[in-house]
Amino acid sequence: MFTVKCDNCGKESSFEPLYRREGDLELIFLKCPECDTEYLACVTDSELRQSIKTYEQMVKTIRMEKVTDLFIEDARKLYKENLERGRVLLEQYPGVSVS
């Protein structure tokens, strides 16, 4: 759960994520329990989801084993690429404006 303030009604409360699927896209919404306004929080496609899993494995390796500086830098680069891909997908989703 996430505690946030609703832009619509101003109520601060815990928002539970809602998951939806549209074709290859997985969408995560937060829904205000007071006024039922939904906010799109995240959009992923299969490519991004696989890249996120790869990143998570890299982080696990970094925590468990001795790795090179290059491996760590590759993990950082993949993290940044994943963030950017997520932003692009969110911006491309109809009816959503990202600031």
PDB file of N, CA and C in Angstrom:
ATOM      1  N   MET A   1       0.829  -1.183   0.000  1.00  0.00           N
ATOM      2  CA  MET A   1       0.000   0.000   0.000  1.00  0.00           C
ATOM      3  C   MET A   1       0.875   1.248   0.000  1.00  0.00           C
ATOM      4  N   PHE A   2       0.312   2.312  -0.562  1.00  0.00           N
ATOM      5  CA  PHE A   2       1.017   3.572  -0.654  1.00  0.00           C
ATOM      6  C   PHE A   2       0.157   4.660  -0.011  1.00  0.00           C
ATOM      7  N   THR A   3       0.755   5.462   0.868  1.00  0.00           N
ATOM      8  CA  THR A   3       0.029   6.579   1.449  1.00  0.00           C
ATOM      9  C   THR A   3       0.352   7.813   0.627  1.00  0.00           C
ATOM     10  N   VAL A   4      -0.677   8.343  -0.026  1.00  0.00           N
ATOM     11  CA  VAL A   4      -0.519   9.522  -0.871  1.00  0.00           C
ATOM     12  C   VAL A   4      -1.747  10.407  -0.745  1.00  0.00           C
ATOM     13  N   LYS A   5      -1.634  11.615  -1.270  1.00  0.00           N
ATOM     14  CA  LYS A   5      -2.747  12.562  -1.255  1.00  0.00           C
ATOM     15  C   LYS A   5      -3.384  12.589  -2.640  1.00  0.00           C
ATOM     16  N   CYS A   6      -4.683  12.414  -2.691  1.00  0.00           N
ATOM     17  CA  CYS A   6      -5.426  12.415  -3.945  1.00  0.00           C
ATOM     18  C   CYS A   6      -5.495  13.827  -4.508  1.00  0.00           C
ATOM     19  N   ASP A   7      -5.137  13.985  -5.781  1.00  0.00           N
ATOM     20  CA  ASP A   7      -5.214  15.288  -6.441  1.00  0.00           C
ATOM     21  C   ASP A   7      -6.661  15.729  -6.646  1.00  0.00           C
ATOM     22  N   ASN A   8      -7.563  14.771  -6.710  1.00  0.00           N
ATOM     23  CA  ASN A   8      -8.968  15.091  -6.979  1.00  0.00           C
ATOM     24  C   ASN A   8      -9.716  15.553  -5.730  1.00  0.00           C
ATOM     25  N   CYS A   9      -9.657  14.758  -4.655  1.00  0.00           N
ATOM     26  CA  CYS A   9     -10.459  15.073  -3.465  1.00  0.00           C
ATOM     27  C   CYS A   9      -9.636  15.602  -2.291  1.00  0.00           C
ATOM     28  N   GLY A  10      -8.300  15.497  -2.381  1.00  0.00           N
ATOM     29  CA  GLY A  10      -7.436  16.006  -1.325  1.00  0.00           C
ATOM     30  C   GLY A  10      -7.256  15.069  -0.148  1.00  0.00           C
ATOM     31  N   LYS A  11      -7.925  13.924  -0.154  1.00  0.00           N
ATOM     32  CA  LYS A  11      -7.825  12.962   0.949  1.00  0.00           C
ATOM     33  C   LYS A  11      -6.459  12.282   0.917  1.00  0.00           C
ATOM     34  N   GLU A  12      -5.838  12.195   2.071  1.00  0.00           N
ATOM     35  CA  GLU A  12      -4.584  11.462   2.193  1.00  0.00           C
ATOM     36  C   GLU A  12      -4.910  10.102   2.785  1.00  0.00           C
ATOM     37  N   SER A  13      -4.564   9.066   2.066  1.00  0.00           N
ATOM     38  CA  SER A  13      -4.874   7.724   2.539  1.00  0.00           C
ATOM     39  C   SER A  13      -3.994   6.706   1.840  1.00  0.00           C
ATOM     40  N   SER A  14      -4.203   5.451   2.190  1.00  0.00           N
ATOM     41  CA  SER A  14      -3.448   4.365   1.588  1.00  0.00           C
ATOM     42  C   SER A  14      -4.127   3.916   0.305  1.00  0.00           C
ATOM     43  N   PHE A  15      -3.390   3.949  -0.761  1.00  0.00           N
ATOM     44  CA  PHE A  15      -3.881   3.522  -2.067  1.00  0.00           C
ATOM     45  C   PHE A  15      -3.331   2.131  -2.350  1.00  0.00           C
ATOM     46  N   GLU A  16      -4.187   1.214  -2.706  1.00  0.00           N
ATOM     47  CA  GLU A  16      -3.730  -0.112  -3.094  1.00  0.00           C
ATOM     48  C   GLU A  16      -3.524  -0.141  -4.599  1.00  0.00           C
ATOM     49  N   PRO A  17      -2.448  -0.773  -5.057  1.00  0.00           N
ATOM     50  CA  PRO A  17      -2.248  -0.856  -6.509  1.00  0.00           C
ATOM     51  C   PRO A  17      -3.268  -1.799  -7.142  1.00  0.00           C
ATOM     52  N   LEU A  18      -3.704  -1.420  -8.335  1.00  0.00           N
ATOM     53  CA  LEU A  18      -4.586  -2.250  -9.145  1.00  0.00           C
ATOM     54  C   LEU A  18      -3.826  -2.633 -10.401  1.00  0.00           C
ATOM     55  N   TYR A  19      -3.907  -3.877 -10.779  1.00  0.00           N
ATOM     56  CA  TYR A  19      -3.169  -4.371 -11.940  1.00  0.00           C
ATOM     57  C   TYR A  19      -4.138  -4.711 -13.055  1.00  0.00           C
ATOM     58  N   ARG A  20      -3.807  -4.262 -14.269  1.00  0.00           N
ATOM     59  CA  ARG A  20      -4.610  -4.571 -15.451  1.00  0.00           C
ATOM     60  C   ARG A  20      -3.679  -4.961 -16.581  1.00  0.00           C
ATOM     61  N   ARG A  21      -4.216  -5.713 -17.490  1.00  0.00           N
ATOM     62  CA  ARG A  21      -3.442  -6.125 -18.650  1.00  0.00           C
ATOM     63  C   ARG A  21      -4.191  -5.710 -19.909  1.00  0.00           C
ATOM     64  N   GLU A  22      -3.474  -5.110 -20.853  1.00  0.00           N
ATOM     65  CA  GLU A  22      -4.024  -4.744 -22.158  1.00  0.00           C
ATOM     66  C   GLU A  22      -3.042  -5.244 -23.202  1.00  0.00           C
ATOM     67  N   GLY A  23      -3.337  -6.410 -23.775  1.00  0.00           N
ATOM     68  CA  GLY A  23      -2.402  -7.019 -24.719  1.00  0.00           C
ATOM     69  C   GLY A  23      -1.106  -7.348 -24.001  1.00  0.00           C
ATOM     70  N   ASP A  24       0.006  -6.854 -24.532  1.00  0.00           N
ATOM     71  CA  ASP A  24       1.325  -7.091 -23.932  1.00  0.00           C
ATOM     72  C   ASP A  24       1.614  -6.138 -22.777  1.00  0.00           C
ATOM     73  N   LEU A  25       0.807  -5.112 -22.635  1.00  0.00           N
ATOM     74  CA  LEU A  25       1.059  -4.102 -21.601  1.00  0.00           C
ATOM     75  C   LEU A  25       0.464  -4.514 -20.265  1.00  0.00           C
ATOM     76  N   GLU A  26       1.244  -4.322 -19.202  1.00  0.00           N
ATOM     77  CA  GLU A  26       0.748  -4.455 -17.839  1.00  0.00           C
ATOM     78  C   GLU A  26       0.696  -3.051 -17.261  1.00  0.00           C
ATOM     79  N   LEU A  27      -0.460  -2.701 -16.697  1.00  0.00           N
ATOM     80  CA  LEU A  27      -0.686  -1.358 -16.168  1.00  0.00           C
ATOM     81  C   LEU A  27      -0.899  -1.449 -14.668  1.00  0.00           C
ATOM     82  N   ILE A  28      -0.302  -0.521 -13.946  1.00  0.00           N
ATOM     83  CA  ILE A  28      -0.503  -0.440 -12.502  1.00  0.00           C
ATOM     84  C   ILE A  28      -1.128   0.914 -12.206  1.00  0.00           C
ATOM     85  N   PHE A  29      -2.299   0.878 -11.576  1.00  0.00           N
ATOM     86  CA  PHE A  29      -3.027   2.068 -11.190  1.00  0.00           C
ATOM     87  C   PHE A  29      -3.052   2.175  -9.673  1.00  0.00           C
ATOM     88  N   LEU A  30      -3.177   3.387  -9.172  1.00  0.00           N
ATOM     89  CA  LEU A  30      -3.495   3.626  -7.774  1.00  0.00           C
ATOM     90  C   LEU A  30      -4.891   4.227  -7.766  1.00  0.00           C
ATOM     91  N   LYS A  31      -5.761   3.714  -6.897  1.00  0.00           N
ATOM     92  CA  LYS A  31      -7.152   4.162  -6.852  1.00  0.00           C
ATOM     93  C   LYS A  31      -7.459   4.754  -5.480  1.00  0.00           C
ATOM     94  N   CYS A  32      -7.978   5.976  -5.495  1.00  0.00           N
ATOM     95  CA  CYS A  32      -8.337   6.651  -4.252  1.00  0.00           C
ATOM     96  C   CYS A  32      -9.539   5.940  -3.627  1.00  0.00           C
ATOM     97  N   PRO A  33      -9.432   5.535  -2.367  1.00  0.00           N
ATOM     98  CA  PRO A  33     -10.547   4.856  -1.720  1.00  0.00           C
ATOM     99  C   PRO A  33     -11.706   5.804  -1.380  1.00  0.00           C
ATOM    100  N   GLU A  34     -11.445   7.094  -1.428  1.00  0.00           N
ATOM    101  CA  GLU A  34     -12.474   8.081  -1.097  1.00  0.00           C
ATOM    102  C   GLU A  34     -13.350   8.435  -2.302  1.00  0.00           C
ATOM    103  N   CYS A  35     -12.713   8.788  -3.421  1.00  0.00           N
ATOM    104  CA  CYS A  35     -13.478   9.282  -4.578  1.00  0.00           C
ATOM    105  C   CYS A  35     -13.370   8.378  -5.810  1.00  0.00           C
ATOM    106  N   ASP A  36     -12.613   7.286  -5.697  1.00  0.00           N
ATOM    107  CA  ASP A  36     -12.431   6.306  -6.777  1.00  0.00           C
ATOM    108  C   ASP A  36     -11.656   6.824  -7.990  1.00  0.00           C
ATOM    109  N   THR A  37     -10.982   7.960  -7.867  1.00  0.00           N
ATOM    110  CA  THR A  37     -10.140   8.437  -8.958  1.00  0.00           C
ATOM    111  C   THR A  37      -8.957   7.491  -9.112  1.00  0.00           C
ATOM    112  N   GLU A  38      -8.655   7.141 -10.364  1.00  0.00           N
ATOM    113  CA  GLU A  38      -7.527   6.252 -10.640  1.00  0.00           C
ATOM    114  C   GLU A  38      -6.381   7.040 -11.249  1.00  0.00           C
ATOM    115  N   TYR A  39      -5.174   6.675 -10.840  1.00  0.00           N
ATOM    116  CA  TYR A  39      -3.954   7.291 -11.342  1.00  0.00           C
ATOM    117  C   TYR A  39      -3.070   6.198 -11.917  1.00  0.00           C
ATOM    118  N   LEU A  40      -2.690   6.346 -13.167  1.00  0.00           N
ATOM    119  CA  LEU A  40      -1.797   5.384 -13.792  1.00  0.00           C
ATOM    120  C   LEU A  40      -0.392   5.602 -13.243  1.00  0.00           C
ATOM    121  N   ALA A  41       0.163   4.578 -12.628  1.00  0.00           N
ATOM    122  CA  ALA A  41       1.466   4.707 -11.990  1.00  0.00           C
ATOM    123  C   ALA A  41       2.592   4.109 -12.833  1.00  0.00           C
ATOM    124  N   CYS A  42       2.274   3.050 -13.598  1.00  0.00           N
ATOM    125  CA  CYS A  42       3.344   2.337 -14.287  1.00  0.00           C
ATOM    126  C   CYS A  42       2.776   1.563 -15.468  1.00  0.00           C
ATOM    127  N   VAL A  43       3.550   1.509 -16.560  1.00  0.00           N
ATOM    128  CA  VAL A  43       3.218   0.689 -17.719  1.00  0.00           C
ATOM    129  C   VAL A  43       4.473  -0.089 -18.089  1.00  0.00           C
ATOM    130  N   THR A  44       4.333  -1.405 -18.273  1.00  0.00           N
ATOM    131  CA  THR A  44       5.459  -2.215 -18.728  1.00  0.00           C
ATOM    132  C   THR A  44       5.008  -3.098 -19.887  1.00  0.00           C
ATOM    133  N   ASP A  45       5.963  -3.448 -20.743  1.00  0.00           N
ATOM    134  CA  ASP A  45       5.727  -4.438 -21.782  1.00  0.00           C
ATOM    135  C   ASP A  45       6.644  -5.624 -21.491  1.00  0.00           C
ATOM    136  N   SER A  46       6.531  -6.683 -22.283  1.00  0.00           N
ATOM    137  CA  SER A  46       7.301  -7.898 -21.984  1.00  0.00           C
ATOM    138  C   SER A  46       8.804  -7.638 -22.020  1.00  0.00           C
ATOM    139  N   GLU A  47       9.240  -6.796 -22.939  1.00  0.00           N
ATOM    140  CA  GLU A  47      10.670  -6.474 -23.035  1.00  0.00           C
ATOM    141  C   GLU A  47      11.162  -5.787 -21.764  1.00  0.00           C
ATOM    142  N   LEU A  48      10.413  -4.818 -21.275  1.00  0.00           N
ATOM    143  CA  LEU A  48      10.803  -4.112 -20.055  1.00  0.00           C
ATOM    144  C   LEU A  48      10.748  -5.041 -18.848  1.00  0.00           C
ATOM    145  N   ARG A  49       9.715  -5.873 -18.764  1.00  0.00           N
ATOM    146  CA  ARG A  49       9.618  -6.800 -17.626  1.00  0.00           C
ATOM    147  C   ARG A  49      10.815  -7.754 -17.601  1.00  0.00           C
ATOM    148  N   GLN A  50      11.245  -8.230 -18.765  1.00  0.00           N
ATOM    149  CA  GLN A  50      12.415  -9.112 -18.827  1.00  0.00           C
ATOM    150  C   GLN A  50      13.674  -8.355 -18.426  1.00  0.00           C
ATOM    151  N   SER A  51      13.790  -7.119 -18.865  1.00  0.00           N
ATOM    152  CA  SER A  51      14.949  -6.306 -18.515  1.00  0.00           C
ATOM    153  C   SER A  51      14.991  -6.024 -17.010  1.00  0.00           C
ATOM    154  N   ILE A  52      13.825  -5.824 -16.406  1.00  0.00           N
ATOM    155  CA  ILE A  52      13.760  -5.616 -14.957  1.00  0.00           C
ATOM    156  C   ILE A  52      14.218  -6.872 -14.225  1.00  0.00           C
ATOM    157  N   LYS A  53      13.825  -8.037 -14.698  1.00  0.00           N
ATOM    158  CA  LYS A  53      14.270  -9.298 -14.082  1.00  0.00           C
ATOM    159  C   LYS A  53      15.782  -9.439 -14.198  1.00  0.00           C
ATOM    160  N   THR A  54      16.326  -9.077 -15.358  1.00  0.00           N
ATOM    161  CA  THR A  54      17.783  -9.134 -15.545  1.00  0.00           C
ATOM    162  C   THR A  54      18.476  -8.217 -14.550  1.00  0.00           C
ATOM    163  N   TYR A  55      17.947  -7.005 -14.393  1.00  0.00           N
ATOM    164  CA  TYR A  55      18.522  -6.055 -13.436  1.00  0.00           C
ATOM    165  C   TYR A  55      18.462  -6.610 -12.017  1.00  0.00           C
ATOM    166  N   GLU A  56      17.321  -7.183 -11.640  1.00  0.00           N
ATOM    167  CA  GLU A  56      17.180  -7.752 -10.294  1.00  0.00           C
ATOM    168  C   GLU A  56      18.196  -8.872 -10.059  1.00  0.00           C
ATOM    169  N   GLN A  57      18.448  -9.680 -11.071  1.00  0.00           N
ATOM    170  CA  GLN A  57      19.462 -10.738 -10.951  1.00  0.00           C
ATOM    171  C   GLN A  57      20.854 -10.136 -10.783  1.00  0.00           C
ATOM    172  N   MET A  58      21.113  -9.059 -11.509  1.00  0.00           N
ATOM    173  CA  MET A  58      22.407  -8.389 -11.388  1.00  0.00           C
ATOM    174  C   MET A  58      22.599  -7.846  -9.975  1.00  0.00           C
ATOM    175  N   VAL A  59      21.564  -7.241  -9.420  1.00  0.00           N
ATOM    176  CA  VAL A  59      21.647  -6.715  -8.054  1.00  0.00           C
ATOM    177  C   VAL A  59      21.898  -7.852  -7.068  1.00  0.00           C
ATOM    178  N   LYS A  60      21.214  -8.946  -7.254  1.00  0.00           N
ATOM    179  CA  LYS A  60      21.415 -10.117  -6.385  1.00  0.00           C
ATOM    180  C   LYS A  60      22.868 -10.606  -6.472  1.00  0.00           C
ATOM    181  N   THR A  61      23.394 -10.646  -7.672  1.00  0.00           N
ATOM    182  CA  THR A  61      24.786 -11.059  -7.864  1.00  0.00           C
ATOM    183  C   THR A  61      25.730 -10.093  -7.169  1.00  0.00           C
ATOM    184  N   ILE A  62      25.475  -8.803  -7.292  1.00  0.00           N
ATOM    185  CA  ILE A  62      26.318  -7.784  -6.652  1.00  0.00           C
ATOM    186  C   ILE A  62      26.321  -7.973  -5.135  1.00  0.00           C
ATOM    187  N   ARG A  63      25.178  -8.311  -4.579  1.00  0.00           N
ATOM    188  CA  ARG A  63      25.075  -8.482  -3.125  1.00  0.00           C
ATOM    189  C   ARG A  63      25.731  -9.768  -2.641  1.00  0.00           C
ATOM    190  N   MET A  64      25.748 -10.786  -3.485  1.00  0.00           N
ATOM    191  CA  MET A  64      26.195 -12.113  -3.047  1.00  0.00           C
ATOM    192  C   MET A  64      27.636 -12.455  -3.440  1.00  0.00           C
ATOM    193  N   GLU A  65      28.142 -11.809  -4.471  1.00  0.00           N
ATOM    194  CA  GLU A  65      29.446 -12.186  -5.003  1.00  0.00           C
ATOM    195  C   GLU A  65      30.332 -10.961  -5.217  1.00  0.00           C
ATOM    196  N   LYS A  66      31.587 -11.249  -5.397  1.00  0.00           N
ATOM    197  CA  LYS A  66      32.512 -10.187  -5.774  1.00  0.00           C
ATOM    198  C   LYS A  66      32.372  -9.994  -7.284  1.00  0.00           C
ATOM    199  N   VAL A  67      32.125  -8.751  -7.684  1.00  0.00           N
ATOM    200  CA  VAL A  67      31.949  -8.449  -9.102  1.00  0.00           C
ATOM    201  C   VAL A  67      32.876  -7.317  -9.505  1.00  0.00           C
ATOM    202  N   THR A  68      33.030  -7.163 -10.799  1.00  0.00           N
ATOM    203  CA  THR A  68      33.904  -6.107 -11.308  1.00  0.00           C
ATOM    204  C   THR A  68      33.177  -4.760 -11.301  1.00  0.00           C
ATOM    205  N   ASP A  69      33.954  -3.715 -11.377  1.00  0.00           N
ATOM    206  CA  ASP A  69      33.377  -2.371 -11.492  1.00  0.00           C
ATOM    207  C   ASP A  69      32.560  -2.250 -12.777  1.00  0.00           C
ATOM    208  N   LEU A  70      33.008  -2.925 -13.824  1.00  0.00           N
ATOM    209  CA  LEU A  70      32.287  -2.901 -15.093  1.00  0.00           C
ATOM    210  C   LEU A  70      30.893  -3.532 -14.941  1.00  0.00           C
ATOM    211  N   PHE A  71      30.797  -4.620 -14.175  1.00  0.00           N
ATOM    212  CA  PHE A  71      29.504  -5.268 -13.936  1.00  0.00           C
ATOM    213  C   PHE A  71      28.564  -4.313 -13.206  1.00  0.00           C
ATOM    214  N   ILE A  72      29.087  -3.631 -12.204  1.00  0.00           N
ATOM    215  CA  ILE A  72      28.280  -2.666 -11.453  1.00  0.00           C
ATOM    216  C   ILE A  72      27.832  -1.528 -12.364  1.00  0.00           C
ATOM    217  N   GLU A  73      28.733  -1.044 -13.195  1.00  0.00           N
ATOM    218  CA  GLU A  73      28.380   0.026 -14.127  1.00  0.00           C
ATOM    219  C   GLU A  73      27.327  -0.442 -15.133  1.00  0.00           C
ATOM    220  N   ASP A  74      27.427  -1.691 -15.585  1.00  0.00           N
ATOM    221  CA  ASP A  74      26.415  -2.252 -16.493  1.00  0.00           C
ATOM    222  C   ASP A  74      25.050  -2.318 -15.809  1.00  0.00           C
ATOM    223  N   ALA A  75      25.040  -2.673 -14.531  1.00  0.00           N
ATOM    224  CA  ALA A  75      23.784  -2.728 -13.779  1.00  0.00           C
ATOM    225  C   ALA A  75      23.185  -1.325 -13.663  1.00  0.00           C
ATOM    226  N   ARG A  76      24.007  -0.335 -13.385  1.00  0.00           N
ATOM    227  CA  ARG A  76      23.521   1.050 -13.299  1.00  0.00           C
ATOM    228  C   ARG A  76      22.956   1.517 -14.638  1.00  0.00           C
ATOM    229  N   LYS A  77      23.652   1.167 -15.704  1.00  0.00           N
ATOM    230  CA  LYS A  77      23.199   1.549 -17.038  1.00  0.00           C
ATOM    231  C   LYS A  77      21.853   0.899 -17.347  1.00  0.00           C
ATOM    232  N   LEU A  78      21.704  -0.379 -17.041  1.00  0.00           N
ATOM    233  CA  LEU A  78      20.449  -1.083 -17.285  1.00  0.00           C
ATOM    234  C   LEU A  78      19.317  -0.462 -16.463  1.00  0.00           C
ATOM    235  N   TYR A  79      19.605  -0.097 -15.221  1.00  0.00           N
ATOM    236  CA  TYR A  79      18.606   0.563 -14.367  1.00  0.00           C
ATOM    237  C   TYR A  79      18.101   1.850 -15.028  1.00  0.00           C
ATOM    238  N   LYS A  80      19.018   2.671 -15.507  1.00  0.00           N
ATOM    239  CA  LYS A  80      18.648   3.931 -16.157  1.00  0.00           C
ATOM    240  C   LYS A  80      17.845   3.669 -17.435  1.00  0.00           C
ATOM    241  N   GLU A  81      18.254   2.667 -18.199  1.00  0.00           N
ATOM    242  CA  GLU A  81      17.524   2.315 -19.419  1.00  0.00           C
ATOM    243  C   GLU A  81      16.105   1.856 -19.087  1.00  0.00           C
ATOM    244  N   ASN A  82      15.971   1.087 -18.017  1.00  0.00           N
ATOM    245  CA  ASN A  82      14.651   0.610 -17.608  1.00  0.00           C
ATOM    246  C   ASN A  82      13.750   1.779 -17.188  1.00  0.00           C
ATOM    247  N   LEU A  83      14.303   2.719 -16.444  1.00  0.00           N
ATOM    248  CA  LEU A  83      13.535   3.903 -16.051  1.00  0.00           C
ATOM    249  C   LEU A  83      13.057   4.676 -17.278  1.00  0.00           C
ATOM    250  N   GLU A  84      13.954   4.873 -18.214  1.00  0.00           N
ATOM    251  CA  GLU A  84      13.607   5.624 -19.419  1.00  0.00           C
ATOM    252  C   GLU A  84      12.552   4.879 -20.238  1.00  0.00           C
ATOM    253  N   ARG A  85      12.690   3.579 -20.383  1.00  0.00           N
ATOM    254  CA  ARG A  85      11.706   2.796 -21.132  1.00  0.00           C
ATOM    255  C   ARG A  85      10.337   2.872 -20.445  1.00  0.00           C
ATOM    256  N   GLY A  86      10.317   2.832 -19.132  1.00  0.00           N
ATOM    257  CA  GLY A  86       9.072   2.964 -18.389  1.00  0.00           C
ATOM    258  C   GLY A  86       8.420   4.311 -18.623  1.00  0.00           C
ATOM    259  N   ARG A  87       9.221   5.374 -18.661  1.00  0.00           N
ATOM    260  CA  ARG A  87       8.690   6.717 -18.924  1.00  0.00           C
ATOM    261  C   ARG A  87       8.093   6.798 -20.330  1.00  0.00           C
ATOM    262  N   VAL A  88       8.801   6.224 -21.289  1.00  0.00           N
ATOM    263  CA  VAL A  88       8.325   6.239 -22.675  1.00  0.00           C
ATOM    264  C   VAL A  88       6.989   5.518 -22.781  1.00  0.00           C
ATOM    265  N   LEU A  89       6.883   4.347 -22.182  1.00  0.00           N
ATOM    266  CA  LEU A  89       5.627   3.596 -22.225  1.00  0.00           C
ATOM    267  C   LEU A  89       4.493   4.363 -21.552  1.00  0.00           C
ATOM    268  N   LEU A  90       4.791   4.990 -20.428  1.00  0.00           N
ATOM    269  CA  LEU A  90       3.775   5.762 -19.710  1.00  0.00           C
ATOM    270  C   LEU A  90       3.296   6.932 -20.560  1.00  0.00           C
ATOM    271  N   GLU A  91       4.227   7.612 -21.218  1.00  0.00           N
ATOM    272  CA  GLU A  91       3.873   8.759 -22.073  1.00  0.00           C
ATOM    273  C   GLU A  91       3.078   8.316 -23.296  1.00  0.00           C
ATOM    274  N   GLN A  92       3.333   7.107 -23.783  1.00  0.00           N
ATOM    275  CA  GLN A  92       2.647   6.624 -24.980  1.00  0.00           C
ATOM    276  C   GLN A  92       1.241   6.103 -24.674  1.00  0.00           C
ATOM    277  N   TYR A  93       0.963   5.852 -23.395  1.00  0.00           N
ATOM    278  CA  TYR A  93      -0.345   5.324 -23.055  1.00  0.00           C
ATOM    279  C   TYR A  93      -1.397   6.413 -23.267  1.00  0.00           C
ATOM    280  N   PRO A  94      -2.504   6.098 -23.969  1.00  0.00           N
ATOM    281  CA  PRO A  94      -3.521   7.111 -24.294  1.00  0.00           C
ATOM    282  C   PRO A  94      -4.082   7.812 -23.049  1.00  0.00           C
ATOM    283  N   GLY A  95      -4.217   9.118 -23.160  1.00  0.00           N
ATOM    284  CA  GLY A  95      -4.866   9.892 -22.102  1.00  0.00           C
ATOM    285  C   GLY A  95      -4.001  10.220 -20.910  1.00  0.00           C
ATOM    286  N   VAL A  96      -2.714   9.928 -20.991  1.00  0.00           N
ATOM    287  CA  VAL A  96      -1.830  10.180 -19.858  1.00  0.00           C
ATOM    288  C   VAL A  96      -0.826  11.248 -20.237  1.00  0.00           C
ATOM    289  N   SER A  97      -0.672  12.240 -19.381  1.00  0.00           N
ATOM    290  CA  SER A  97       0.380  13.217 -19.564  1.00  0.00           C
ATOM    291  C   SER A  97       1.335  13.104 -18.398  1.00  0.00           C
ATOM    292  N   VAL A  98       2.604  13.035 -18.700  1.00  0.00           N
ATOM    293  CA  VAL A  98       3.630  12.865 -17.672  1.00  0.00           C
ATOM    294  C   VAL A  98       4.428  14.157 -17.596  1.00  0.00           C
ATOM    295  N   SER A  99       4.563  14.674 -16.380  1.00  0.00           N
ATOM    296  CA  SER A  99       5.332  15.911 -16.219  1.00  0.00           C
ATOM    297  C   SER A  99       6.719  15.632 -15.732  1.00  0.00           C
TER     298      SER A  99
END
